[in-house]
Amino acid sequence: MSAGITITGGNFEQEVLRSPIPVLIDFWASWCGPCKMISPFIDQLAGEYEGRVKIGKVNVDEENGLAERHGIASIPALVLYKDGVIVDQRNGAAPKRDIEAMFKSIA
C-alpha cells in the first residue's frame, strides 16, 4: 500500500501546484504523537485513492520553509490543494473518515 510521496521545496511546484489531481499534504514530524496516530489513515487513503488524489507528506523538521510558507504553527496539519489552490486545511488528529471527507467529493 502506498504511503504517499515526500514533498520538498524542490518538488513542491511539480507535485502539488501542477498536479492534475487534488493533493492532500500531511505536515508531520517524527516526534509528534498525534502525527503518528493519523499516519496509518494517511497511508490507507493514499492506497485507496491512488490515481484520484495524490497524498504527500512534508516533514516539518526537514522542510521548515514549506511549513512556514503554509503558516503551519501546529502539527499534524492537513492542506488540500486542487488546481494549485488551497481548498481546505485542518489541524490536529482526526479519524480517517474526517480526513477522507476533505477530498471525497472532489476525488
PDB file of N, CA and C in Angstrom:
ATOM      1  N   MET A   1       0.844  -1.191   0.000  1.00  0.00           N
ATOM      2  CA  MET A   1       0.000   0.000   0.000  1.00  0.00           C
ATOM      3  C   MET A   1       0.877   1.238   0.000  1.00  0.00           C
ATOM      4  N   SER A   2       0.496   2.217  -0.744  1.00  0.00           N
ATOM      5  CA  SER A   2       1.271   3.441  -0.863  1.00  0.00           C
ATOM      6  C   SER A   2       1.266   4.233   0.433  1.00  0.00           C
ATOM      7  N   ALA A   3       2.386   4.848   0.744  1.00  0.00           N
ATOM      8  CA  ALA A   3       2.480   5.697   1.922  1.00  0.00           C
ATOM      9  C   ALA A   3       2.517   7.162   1.524  1.00  0.00           C
ATOM     10  N   GLY A   4       2.210   7.458   0.297  1.00  0.00           N
ATOM     11  CA  GLY A   4       2.255   8.829  -0.173  1.00  0.00           C
ATOM     12  C   GLY A   4       3.650   9.197  -0.623  1.00  0.00           C
ATOM     13  N   ILE A   5       3.773  10.401  -1.148  1.00  0.00           N
ATOM     14  CA  ILE A   5       5.068  10.852  -1.645  1.00  0.00           C
ATOM     15  C   ILE A   5       5.634  11.911  -0.710  1.00  0.00           C
ATOM     16  N   THR A   6       6.929  12.032  -0.707  1.00  0.00           N
ATOM     17  CA  THR A   6       7.585  13.053   0.091  1.00  0.00           C
ATOM     18  C   THR A   6       7.599  14.351  -0.707  1.00  0.00           C
ATOM     19  N   ILE A   7       7.042  15.391  -0.103  1.00  0.00           N
ATOM     20  CA  ILE A   7       7.008  16.707  -0.728  1.00  0.00           C
ATOM     21  C   ILE A   7       8.148  17.535  -0.130  1.00  0.00           C
ATOM     22  N   THR A   8       8.915  18.161  -1.006  1.00  0.00           N
ATOM     23  CA  THR A   8      10.029  19.010  -0.583  1.00  0.00           C
ATOM     24  C   THR A   8       9.920  20.357  -1.304  1.00  0.00           C
ATOM     25  N   GLY A   9      10.755  21.263  -0.895  1.00  0.00           N
ATOM     26  CA  GLY A   9      10.805  22.545  -1.590  1.00  0.00           C
ATOM     27  C   GLY A   9      11.169  22.364  -3.053  1.00  0.00           C
ATOM     28  N   GLY A  10      11.965  21.336  -3.340  1.00  0.00           N
ATOM     29  CA  GLY A  10      12.411  21.085  -4.701  1.00  0.00           C
ATOM     30  C   GLY A  10      11.359  20.510  -5.631  1.00  0.00           C
ATOM     31  N   ASN A  11      10.390  19.760  -5.089  1.00  0.00           N
ATOM     32  CA  ASN A  11       9.380  19.154  -5.958  1.00  0.00           C
ATOM     33  C   ASN A  11       7.968  19.709  -5.725  1.00  0.00           C
ATOM     34  N   PHE A  12       7.833  20.699  -4.859  1.00  0.00           N
ATOM     35  CA  PHE A  12       6.520  21.222  -4.497  1.00  0.00           C
ATOM     36  C   PHE A  12       5.736  21.731  -5.711  1.00  0.00           C
ATOM     37  N   GLU A  13       6.377  22.524  -6.527  1.00  0.00           N
ATOM     38  CA  GLU A  13       5.655  23.083  -7.680  1.00  0.00           C
ATOM     39  C   GLU A  13       5.159  21.981  -8.606  1.00  0.00           C
ATOM     40  N   GLN A  14       6.013  21.034  -8.937  1.00  0.00           N
ATOM     41  CA  GLN A  14       5.636  19.957  -9.859  1.00  0.00           C
ATOM     42  C   GLN A  14       4.595  19.022  -9.251  1.00  0.00           C
ATOM     43  N   GLU A  15       4.817  18.580  -8.026  1.00  0.00           N
ATOM     44  CA  GLU A  15       3.950  17.571  -7.406  1.00  0.00           C
ATOM     45  C   GLU A  15       2.637  18.128  -6.873  1.00  0.00           C
ATOM     46  N   VAL A  16       2.628  19.402  -6.505  1.00  0.00           N
ATOM     47  CA  VAL A  16       1.426  19.978  -5.888  1.00  0.00           C
ATOM     48  C   VAL A  16       0.773  21.015  -6.804  1.00  0.00           C
ATOM     49  N   LEU A  17       1.490  22.066  -7.111  1.00  0.00           N
ATOM     50  CA  LEU A  17       0.882  23.163  -7.868  1.00  0.00           C
ATOM     51  C   LEU A  17       0.502  22.773  -9.290  1.00  0.00           C
ATOM     52  N   ARG A  18       1.253  21.876  -9.899  1.00  0.00           N
ATOM     53  CA  ARG A  18       0.967  21.456 -11.280  1.00  0.00           C
ATOM     54  C   ARG A  18       0.237  20.112 -11.360  1.00  0.00           C
ATOM     55  N   SER A  19      -0.165  19.576 -10.253  1.00  0.00           N
ATOM     56  CA  SER A  19      -0.817  18.268 -10.257  1.00  0.00           C
ATOM     57  C   SER A  19      -2.183  18.333 -10.935  1.00  0.00           C
ATOM     58  N   PRO A  20      -2.475  17.375 -11.818  1.00  0.00           N
ATOM     59  CA  PRO A  20      -3.782  17.346 -12.475  1.00  0.00           C
ATOM     60  C   PRO A  20      -4.890  16.801 -11.567  1.00  0.00           C
ATOM     61  N   ILE A  21      -4.507  16.240 -10.420  1.00  0.00           N
ATOM     62  CA  ILE A  21      -5.479  15.709  -9.462  1.00  0.00           C
ATOM     63  C   ILE A  21      -5.277  16.425  -8.124  1.00  0.00           C
ATOM     64  N   PRO A  22      -6.304  16.408  -7.243  1.00  0.00           N
ATOM     65  CA  PRO A  22      -6.157  17.045  -5.935  1.00  0.00           C
ATOM     66  C   PRO A  22      -4.968  16.448  -5.164  1.00  0.00           C
ATOM     67  N   VAL A  23      -4.380  17.277  -4.301  1.00  0.00           N
ATOM     68  CA  VAL A  23      -3.241  16.855  -3.499  1.00  0.00           C
ATOM     69  C   VAL A  23      -3.522  17.172  -2.033  1.00  0.00           C
ATOM     70  N   LEU A  24      -3.443  16.152  -1.184  1.00  0.00           N
ATOM     71  CA  LEU A  24      -3.556  16.328   0.256  1.00  0.00           C
ATOM     72  C   LEU A  24      -2.155  16.241   0.836  1.00  0.00           C
ATOM     73  N   ILE A  25      -1.745  17.296   1.533  1.00  0.00           N
ATOM     74  CA  ILE A  25      -0.427  17.313   2.157  1.00  0.00           C
ATOM     75  C   ILE A  25      -0.583  17.148   3.660  1.00  0.00           C
ATOM     76  N   ASP A  26       0.182  16.204   4.191  1.00  0.00           N
ATOM     77  CA  ASP A  26       0.239  15.947   5.627  1.00  0.00           C
ATOM     78  C   ASP A  26       1.549  16.547   6.147  1.00  0.00           C
ATOM     79  N   PHE A  27       1.444  17.613   6.928  1.00  0.00           N
ATOM     80  CA  PHE A  27       2.613  18.200   7.583  1.00  0.00           C
ATOM     81  C   PHE A  27       2.795  17.467   8.908  1.00  0.00           C
ATOM     82  N   TRP A  28       3.959  16.876   9.120  1.00  0.00           N
ATOM     83  CA  TRP A  28       4.183  15.995  10.256  1.00  0.00           C
ATOM     84  C   TRP A  28       5.634  16.092  10.737  1.00  0.00           C
ATOM     85  N   ALA A  29       5.918  15.404  11.851  1.00  0.00           N
ATOM     86  CA  ALA A  29       7.283  15.251  12.363  1.00  0.00           C
ATOM     87  C   ALA A  29       7.364  13.920  13.102  1.00  0.00           C
ATOM     88  N   SER A  30       8.543  13.347  13.134  1.00  0.00           N
ATOM     89  CA  SER A  30       8.714  12.021  13.746  1.00  0.00           C
ATOM     90  C   SER A  30       8.454  12.021  15.247  1.00  0.00           C
ATOM     91  N   TRP A  31       8.608  13.142  15.910  1.00  0.00           N
ATOM     92  CA  TRP A  31       8.423  13.232  17.358  1.00  0.00           C
ATOM     93  C   TRP A  31       6.973  13.538  17.754  1.00  0.00           C
ATOM     94  N   CYS A  32       6.099  13.734  16.782  1.00  0.00           N
ATOM     95  CA  CYS A  32       4.718  14.162  17.022  1.00  0.00           C
ATOM     96  C   CYS A  32       3.797  12.961  17.235  1.00  0.00           C
ATOM     97  N   GLY A  33       3.276  12.812  18.448  1.00  0.00           N
ATOM     98  CA  GLY A  33       2.372  11.709  18.771  1.00  0.00           C
ATOM     99  C   GLY A  33       1.105  11.693  17.927  1.00  0.00           C
ATOM    100  N   PRO A  34       0.371  12.813  17.833  1.00  0.00           N
ATOM    101  CA  PRO A  34      -0.828  12.834  17.003  1.00  0.00           C
ATOM    102  C   PRO A  34      -0.530  12.542  15.525  1.00  0.00           C
ATOM    103  N   CYS A  35       0.662  12.949  15.046  1.00  0.00           N
ATOM    104  CA  CYS A  35       1.049  12.643  13.662  1.00  0.00           C
ATOM    105  C   CYS A  35       1.152  11.132  13.477  1.00  0.00           C
ATOM    106  N   LYS A  36       1.719  10.467  14.470  1.00  0.00           N
ATOM    107  CA  LYS A  36       1.843   9.005  14.408  1.00  0.00           C
ATOM    108  C   LYS A  36       0.470   8.343  14.438  1.00  0.00           C
ATOM    109  N   MET A  37      -0.482   8.965  15.149  1.00  0.00           N
ATOM    110  CA  MET A  37      -1.837   8.410  15.222  1.00  0.00           C
ATOM    111  C   MET A  37      -2.527   8.416  13.866  1.00  0.00           C
ATOM    112  N   ILE A  38      -2.365   9.500  13.098  1.00  0.00           N
ATOM    113  CA  ILE A  38      -3.088   9.579  11.823  1.00  0.00           C
ATOM    114  C   ILE A  38      -2.296   8.996  10.657  1.00  0.00           C
ATOM    115  N   SER A  39      -1.034   8.729  10.854  1.00  0.00           N
ATOM    116  CA  SER A  39      -0.197   8.221   9.767  1.00  0.00           C
ATOM    117  C   SER A  39      -0.770   6.972   9.088  1.00  0.00           C
ATOM    118  N   PRO A  40      -1.274   5.986   9.849  1.00  0.00           N
ATOM    119  CA  PRO A  40      -1.871   4.822   9.174  1.00  0.00           C
ATOM    120  C   PRO A  40      -3.073   5.189   8.305  1.00  0.00           C
ATOM    121  N   PHE A  41      -3.866   6.174   8.740  1.00  0.00           N
ATOM    122  CA  PHE A  41      -5.023   6.611   7.951  1.00  0.00           C
ATOM    123  C   PHE A  41      -4.552   7.258   6.645  1.00  0.00           C
ATOM    124  N   ILE A  42      -3.531   8.094   6.755  1.00  0.00           N
ATOM    125  CA  ILE A  42      -2.982   8.768   5.573  1.00  0.00           C
ATOM    126  C   ILE A  42      -2.468   7.731   4.580  1.00  0.00           C
ATOM    127  N   ASP A  43      -1.749   6.724   5.096  1.00  0.00           N
ATOM    128  CA  ASP A  43      -1.205   5.667   4.238  1.00  0.00           C
ATOM    129  C   ASP A  43      -2.321   4.867   3.566  1.00  0.00           C
ATOM    130  N   GLN A  44      -3.377   4.549   4.304  1.00  0.00           N
ATOM    131  CA  GLN A  44      -4.502   3.807   3.745  1.00  0.00           C
ATOM    132  C   GLN A  44      -5.185   4.616   2.645  1.00  0.00           C
ATOM    133  N   LEU A  45      -5.414   5.889   2.909  1.00  0.00           N
ATOM    134  CA  LEU A  45      -6.079   6.738   1.929  1.00  0.00           C
ATOM    135  C   LEU A  45      -5.230   6.907   0.672  1.00  0.00           C
ATOM    136  N   ALA A  46      -3.908   6.959   0.830  1.00  0.00           N
ATOM    137  CA  ALA A  46      -3.016   7.058  -0.340  1.00  0.00           C
ATOM    138  C   ALA A  46      -3.220   5.860  -1.253  1.00  0.00           C
ATOM    139  N   GLY A  47      -3.387   4.689  -0.685  1.00  0.00           N
ATOM    140  CA  GLY A  47      -3.627   3.492  -1.482  1.00  0.00           C
ATOM    141  C   GLY A  47      -5.029   3.448  -2.066  1.00  0.00           C
ATOM    142  N   GLU A  48      -6.011   3.803  -1.264  1.00  0.00           N
ATOM    143  CA  GLU A  48      -7.408   3.732  -1.697  1.00  0.00           C
ATOM    144  C   GLU A  48      -7.744   4.754  -2.793  1.00  0.00           C
ATOM    145  N   TYR A  49      -7.087   5.884  -2.771  1.00  0.00           N
ATOM    146  CA  TYR A  49      -7.389   6.953  -3.729  1.00  0.00           C
ATOM    147  C   TYR A  49      -6.291   7.152  -4.769  1.00  0.00           C
ATOM    148  N   GLU A  50      -5.403   6.175  -4.891  1.00  0.00           N
ATOM    149  CA  GLU A  50      -4.306   6.283  -5.848  1.00  0.00           C
ATOM    150  C   GLU A  50      -4.850   6.568  -7.248  1.00  0.00           C
ATOM    151  N   GLY A  51      -4.275   7.571  -7.889  1.00  0.00           N
ATOM    152  CA  GLY A  51      -4.721   7.968  -9.219  1.00  0.00           C
ATOM    153  C   GLY A  51      -5.830   9.004  -9.211  1.00  0.00           C
ATOM    154  N   ARG A  52      -6.492   9.184  -8.069  1.00  0.00           N
ATOM    155  CA  ARG A  52      -7.578  10.170  -7.964  1.00  0.00           C
ATOM    156  C   ARG A  52      -7.201  11.340  -7.059  1.00  0.00           C
ATOM    157  N   VAL A  53      -6.416  11.048  -6.017  1.00  0.00           N
ATOM    158  CA  VAL A  53      -5.918  12.057  -5.092  1.00  0.00           C
ATOM    159  C   VAL A  53      -4.470  11.703  -4.795  1.00  0.00           C
ATOM    160  N   LYS A  54      -3.623  12.695  -4.872  1.00  0.00           N
ATOM    161  CA  LYS A  54      -2.221  12.490  -4.523  1.00  0.00           C
ATOM    162  C   LYS A  54      -2.057  12.830  -3.046  1.00  0.00           C
ATOM    163  N   ILE A  55      -1.439  11.925  -2.312  1.00  0.00           N
ATOM    164  CA  ILE A  55      -1.184  12.155  -0.894  1.00  0.00           C
ATOM    165  C   ILE A  55       0.305  12.420  -0.726  1.00  0.00           C
ATOM    166  N   GLY A  56       0.628  13.563  -0.164  1.00  0.00           N
ATOM    167  CA  GLY A  56       2.017  13.930   0.051  1.00  0.00           C
ATOM    168  C   GLY A  56       2.285  14.193   1.519  1.00  0.00           C
ATOM    169  N   LYS A  57       3.537  14.012   1.899  1.00  0.00           N
ATOM    170  CA  LYS A  57       3.938  14.240   3.280  1.00  0.00           C
ATOM    171  C   LYS A  57       5.095  15.219   3.322  1.00  0.00           C
ATOM    172  N   VAL A  58       4.999  16.173   4.250  1.00  0.00           N
ATOM    173  CA  VAL A  58       6.060  17.150   4.458  1.00  0.00           C
ATOM    174  C   VAL A  58       6.545  17.014   5.893  1.00  0.00           C
ATOM    175  N   ASN A  59       7.794  16.623   6.052  1.00  0.00           N
ATOM    176  CA  ASN A  59       8.416  16.565   7.367  1.00  0.00           C
ATOM    177  C   ASN A  59       8.812  17.997   7.725  1.00  0.00           C
ATOM    178  N   VAL A  60       8.160  18.574   8.725  1.00  0.00           N
ATOM    179  CA  VAL A  60       8.389  19.988   9.055  1.00  0.00           C
ATOM    180  C   VAL A  60       9.790  20.246   9.588  1.00  0.00           C
ATOM    181  N   ASP A  61      10.441  19.239  10.139  1.00  0.00           N
ATOM    182  CA  ASP A  61      11.811  19.416  10.609  1.00  0.00           C
ATOM    183  C   ASP A  61      12.784  19.527   9.443  1.00  0.00           C
ATOM    184  N   GLU A  62      12.493  18.844   8.358  1.00  0.00           N
ATOM    185  CA  GLU A  62      13.366  18.864   7.179  1.00  0.00           C
ATOM    186  C   GLU A  62      12.975  19.941   6.177  1.00  0.00           C
ATOM    187  N   GLU A  63      11.724  20.337   6.184  1.00  0.00           N
ATOM    188  CA  GLU A  63      11.202  21.309   5.203  1.00  0.00           C
ATOM    189  C   GLU A  63      10.528  22.477   5.919  1.00  0.00           C
ATOM    190  N   ASN A  64      11.292  23.123   6.782  1.00  0.00           N
ATOM    191  CA  ASN A  64      10.761  24.230   7.574  1.00  0.00           C
ATOM    192  C   ASN A  64      10.229  25.357   6.693  1.00  0.00           C
ATOM    193  N   GLY A  65      10.865  25.603   5.551  1.00  0.00           N
ATOM    194  CA  GLY A  65      10.406  26.661   4.655  1.00  0.00           C
ATOM    195  C   GLY A  65       9.005  26.423   4.130  1.00  0.00           C
ATOM    196  N   LEU A  66       8.703  25.178   3.763  1.00  0.00           N
ATOM    197  CA  LEU A  66       7.347  24.853   3.293  1.00  0.00           C
ATOM    198  C   LEU A  66       6.330  25.021   4.414  1.00  0.00           C
ATOM    199  N   ALA A  67       6.722  24.609   5.619  1.00  0.00           N
ATOM    200  CA  ALA A  67       5.819  24.754   6.764  1.00  0.00           C
ATOM    201  C   ALA A  67       5.534  26.234   7.029  1.00  0.00           C
ATOM    202  N   GLU A  68       6.567  27.046   6.997  1.00  0.00           N
ATOM    203  CA  GLU A  68       6.385  28.488   7.216  1.00  0.00           C
ATOM    204  C   GLU A  68       5.526  29.100   6.115  1.00  0.00           C
ATOM    205  N   ARG A  69       5.771  28.700   4.894  1.00  0.00           N
ATOM    206  CA  ARG A  69       5.018  29.219   3.740  1.00  0.00           C
ATOM    207  C   ARG A  69       3.522  28.930   3.872  1.00  0.00           C
ATOM    208  N   HIS A  70       3.190  27.809   4.522  1.00  0.00           N
ATOM    209  CA  HIS A  70       1.790  27.435   4.719  1.00  0.00           C
ATOM    210  C   HIS A  70       1.232  27.903   6.058  1.00  0.00           C
ATOM    211  N   GLY A  71       2.041  28.588   6.850  1.00  0.00           N
ATOM    212  CA  GLY A  71       1.577  29.088   8.142  1.00  0.00           C
ATOM    213  C   GLY A  71       1.319  27.985   9.145  1.00  0.00           C
ATOM    214  N   ILE A  72       2.064  26.893   9.036  1.00  0.00           N
ATOM    215  CA  ILE A  72       1.862  25.762   9.932  1.00  0.00           C
ATOM    216  C   ILE A  72       2.449  26.090  11.305  1.00  0.00           C
ATOM    217  N   ALA A  73       1.575  26.193  12.299  1.00  0.00           N
ATOM    218  CA  ALA A  73       2.000  26.502  13.670  1.00  0.00           C
ATOM    219  C   ALA A  73       1.901  25.292  14.575  1.00  0.00           C
ATOM    220  N   SER A  74       1.086  24.327  14.173  1.00  0.00           N
ATOM    221  CA  SER A  74       0.962  23.091  14.949  1.00  0.00           C
ATOM    222  C   SER A  74       0.739  21.930  13.983  1.00  0.00           C
ATOM    223  N   ILE A  75       1.147  20.764  14.434  1.00  0.00           N
ATOM    224  CA  ILE A  75       1.012  19.566  13.601  1.00  0.00           C
ATOM    225  C   ILE A  75       0.314  18.480  14.392  1.00  0.00           C
ATOM    226  N   PRO A  76      -0.314  17.528  13.722  1.00  0.00           N
ATOM    227  CA  PRO A  76      -0.422  17.406  12.279  1.00  0.00           C
ATOM    228  C   PRO A  76      -1.307  18.493  11.680  1.00  0.00           C
ATOM    229  N   ALA A  77      -0.966  18.855  10.465  1.00  0.00           N
ATOM    230  CA  ALA A  77      -1.769  19.802   9.695  1.00  0.00           C
ATOM    231  C   ALA A  77      -1.975  19.199   8.317  1.00  0.00           C
ATOM    232  N   LEU A  78      -3.188  19.261   7.833  1.00  0.00           N
ATOM    233  CA  LEU A  78      -3.534  18.724   6.520  1.00  0.00           C
ATOM    234  C   LEU A  78      -3.975  19.877   5.630  1.00  0.00           C
ATOM    235  N   VAL A  79      -3.385  19.954   4.444  1.00  0.00           N
ATOM    236  CA  VAL A  79      -3.708  21.016   3.497  1.00  0.00           C
ATOM    237  C   VAL A  79      -4.089  20.358   2.174  1.00  0.00           C
ATOM    238  N   LEU A  80      -5.254  20.722   1.665  1.00  0.00           N
ATOM    239  CA  LEU A  80      -5.751  20.154   0.415  1.00  0.00           C
ATOM    240  C   LEU A  80      -5.650  21.187  -0.703  1.00  0.00           C
ATOM    241  N   TYR A  81      -4.970  20.801  -1.765  1.00  0.00           N
ATOM    242  CA  TYR A  81      -4.830  21.625  -2.968  1.00  0.00           C
ATOM    243  C   TYR A  81      -5.660  21.024  -4.089  1.00  0.00           C
ATOM    244  N   LYS A  82      -6.278  21.901  -4.879  1.00  0.00           N
ATOM    245  CA  LYS A  82      -6.923  21.484  -6.128  1.00  0.00           C
ATOM    246  C   LYS A  82      -6.612  22.564  -7.151  1.00  0.00           C
ATOM    247  N   ASP A  83      -6.099  22.147  -8.300  1.00  0.00           N
ATOM    248  CA  ASP A  83      -5.717  23.078  -9.360  1.00  0.00           C
ATOM    249  C   ASP A  83      -4.746  24.146  -8.856  1.00  0.00           C
ATOM    250  N   GLY A  84      -3.830  23.738  -7.964  1.00  0.00           N
ATOM    251  CA  GLY A  84      -2.801  24.638  -7.465  1.00  0.00           C
ATOM    252  C   GLY A  84      -3.236  25.613  -6.400  1.00  0.00           C
ATOM    253  N   VAL A  85      -4.467  25.471  -5.906  1.00  0.00           N
ATOM    254  CA  VAL A  85      -5.027  26.395  -4.920  1.00  0.00           C
ATOM    255  C   VAL A  85      -5.447  25.621  -3.673  1.00  0.00           C
ATOM    256  N   ILE A  86      -5.187  26.190  -2.502  1.00  0.00           N
ATOM    257  CA  ILE A  86      -5.641  25.565  -1.248  1.00  0.00           C
ATOM    258  C   ILE A  86      -7.157  25.665  -1.182  1.00  0.00           C
ATOM    259  N   VAL A  87      -7.816  24.504  -1.008  1.00  0.00           N
ATOM    260  CA  VAL A  87      -9.277  24.483  -0.911  1.00  0.00           C
ATOM    261  C   VAL A  87      -9.758  24.050   0.472  1.00  0.00           C
ATOM    262  N   ASP A  88      -8.870  23.500   1.295  1.00  0.00           N
ATOM    263  CA  ASP A  88      -9.243  23.104   2.655  1.00  0.00           C
ATOM    264  C   ASP A  88      -7.974  22.945   3.470  1.00  0.00           C
ATOM    265  N   GLN A  89      -8.100  23.167   4.766  1.00  0.00           N
ATOM    266  CA  GLN A  89      -6.963  22.996   5.673  1.00  0.00           C
ATOM    267  C   GLN A  89      -7.508  22.671   7.055  1.00  0.00           C
ATOM    268  N   ARG A  90      -6.867  21.691   7.703  1.00  0.00           N
ATOM    269  CA  ARG A  90      -7.289  21.285   9.047  1.00  0.00           C
ATOM    270  C   ARG A  90      -6.072  20.990   9.903  1.00  0.00           C
ATOM    271  N   ASN A  91      -6.211  21.246  11.183  1.00  0.00           N
ATOM    272  CA  ASN A  91      -5.137  20.980  12.134  1.00  0.00           C
ATOM    273  C   ASN A  91      -5.582  19.956  13.158  1.00  0.00           C
ATOM    274  N   GLY A  92      -4.621  19.161  13.629  1.00  0.00           N
ATOM    275  CA  GLY A  92      -4.891  18.190  14.676  1.00  0.00           C
ATOM    276  C   GLY A  92      -5.229  16.820  14.135  1.00  0.00           C
ATOM    277  N   ALA A  93      -5.181  15.858  15.040  1.00  0.00           N
ATOM    278  CA  ALA A  93      -5.502  14.477  14.679  1.00  0.00           C
ATOM    279  C   ALA A  93      -6.993  14.360  14.399  1.00  0.00           C
ATOM    280  N   ALA A  94      -7.329  13.495  13.473  1.00  0.00           N
ATOM    281  CA  ALA A  94      -8.730  13.288  13.094  1.00  0.00           C
ATOM    282  C   ALA A  94      -8.909  11.840  12.677  1.00  0.00           C
ATOM    283  N   PRO A  95     -10.130  11.312  12.815  1.00  0.00           N
ATOM    284  CA  PRO A  95     -10.383   9.961  12.324  1.00  0.00           C
ATOM    285  C   PRO A  95     -10.285   9.902  10.798  1.00  0.00           C
ATOM    286  N   LYS A  96     -10.082   8.718  10.288  1.00  0.00           N
ATOM    287  CA  LYS A  96      -9.921   8.519   8.851  1.00  0.00           C
ATOM    288  C   LYS A  96     -11.083   9.116   8.067  1.00  0.00           C
ATOM    289  N   ARG A  97     -12.303   8.922   8.521  1.00  0.00           N
ATOM    290  CA  ARG A  97     -13.473   9.409   7.782  1.00  0.00           C
ATOM    291  C   ARG A  97     -13.460  10.931   7.662  1.00  0.00           C
ATOM    292  N   ASP A  98     -12.949  11.634   8.669  1.00  0.00           N
ATOM    293  CA  ASP A  98     -12.888  13.098   8.600  1.00  0.00           C
ATOM    294  C   ASP A  98     -11.808  13.560   7.624  1.00  0.00           C
ATOM    295  N   ILE A  99     -10.698  12.838   7.591  1.00  0.00           N
ATOM    296  CA  ILE A  99      -9.641  13.167   6.637  1.00  0.00           C
ATOM    297  C   ILE A  99     -10.146  12.920   5.220  1.00  0.00           C
ATOM    298  N   GLU A 100     -10.785  11.778   5.020  1.00  0.00           N
ATOM    299  CA  GLU A 100     -11.328  11.424   3.706  1.00  0.00           C
ATOM    300  C   GLU A 100     -12.386  12.433   3.249  1.00  0.00           C
ATOM    301  N   ALA A 101     -13.171  12.941   4.178  1.00  0.00           N
ATOM    302  CA  ALA A 101     -14.234  13.886   3.842  1.00  0.00           C
ATOM    303  C   ALA A 101     -13.679  15.178   3.244  1.00  0.00           C
ATOM    304  N   MET A 102     -12.418  15.488   3.530  1.00  0.00           N
ATOM    305  CA  MET A 102     -11.801  16.691   2.978  1.00  0.00           C
ATOM    306  C   MET A 102     -11.775  16.658   1.448  1.00  0.00           C
ATOM    307  N   PHE A 103     -11.591  15.476   0.867  1.00  0.00           N
ATOM    308  CA  PHE A 103     -11.430  15.395  -0.585  1.00  0.00           C
ATOM    309  C   PHE A 103     -12.376  14.438  -1.290  1.00  0.00           C
ATOM    310  N   LYS A 104     -13.178  13.703  -0.550  1.00  0.00           N
ATOM    311  CA  LYS A 104     -14.019  12.683  -1.169  1.00  0.00           C
ATOM    312  C   LYS A 104     -14.913  13.255  -2.268  1.00  0.00           C
ATOM    313  N   SER A 105     -15.468  14.422  -2.060  1.00  0.00           N
ATOM    314  CA  SER A 105     -16.402  14.982  -3.047  1.00  0.00           C
ATOM    315  C   SER A 105     -15.705  15.502  -4.302  1.00  0.00           C
ATOM    316  N   ILE A 106     -14.397  15.709  -4.260  1.00  0.00           N
ATOM    317  CA  ILE A 106     -13.692  16.219  -5.443  1.00  0.00           C
ATOM    318  C   ILE A 106     -12.772  15.178  -6.066  1.00  0.00           C
ATOM    319  N   ALA A 107     -12.706  13.982  -5.476  1.00  0.00           N
ATOM    320  CA  ALA A 107     -11.805  12.936  -5.985  1.00  0.00           C
ATOM    321  C   ALA A 107     -12.435  12.204  -7.157  1.00  0.00           C
TER     322      ALA A 107
END
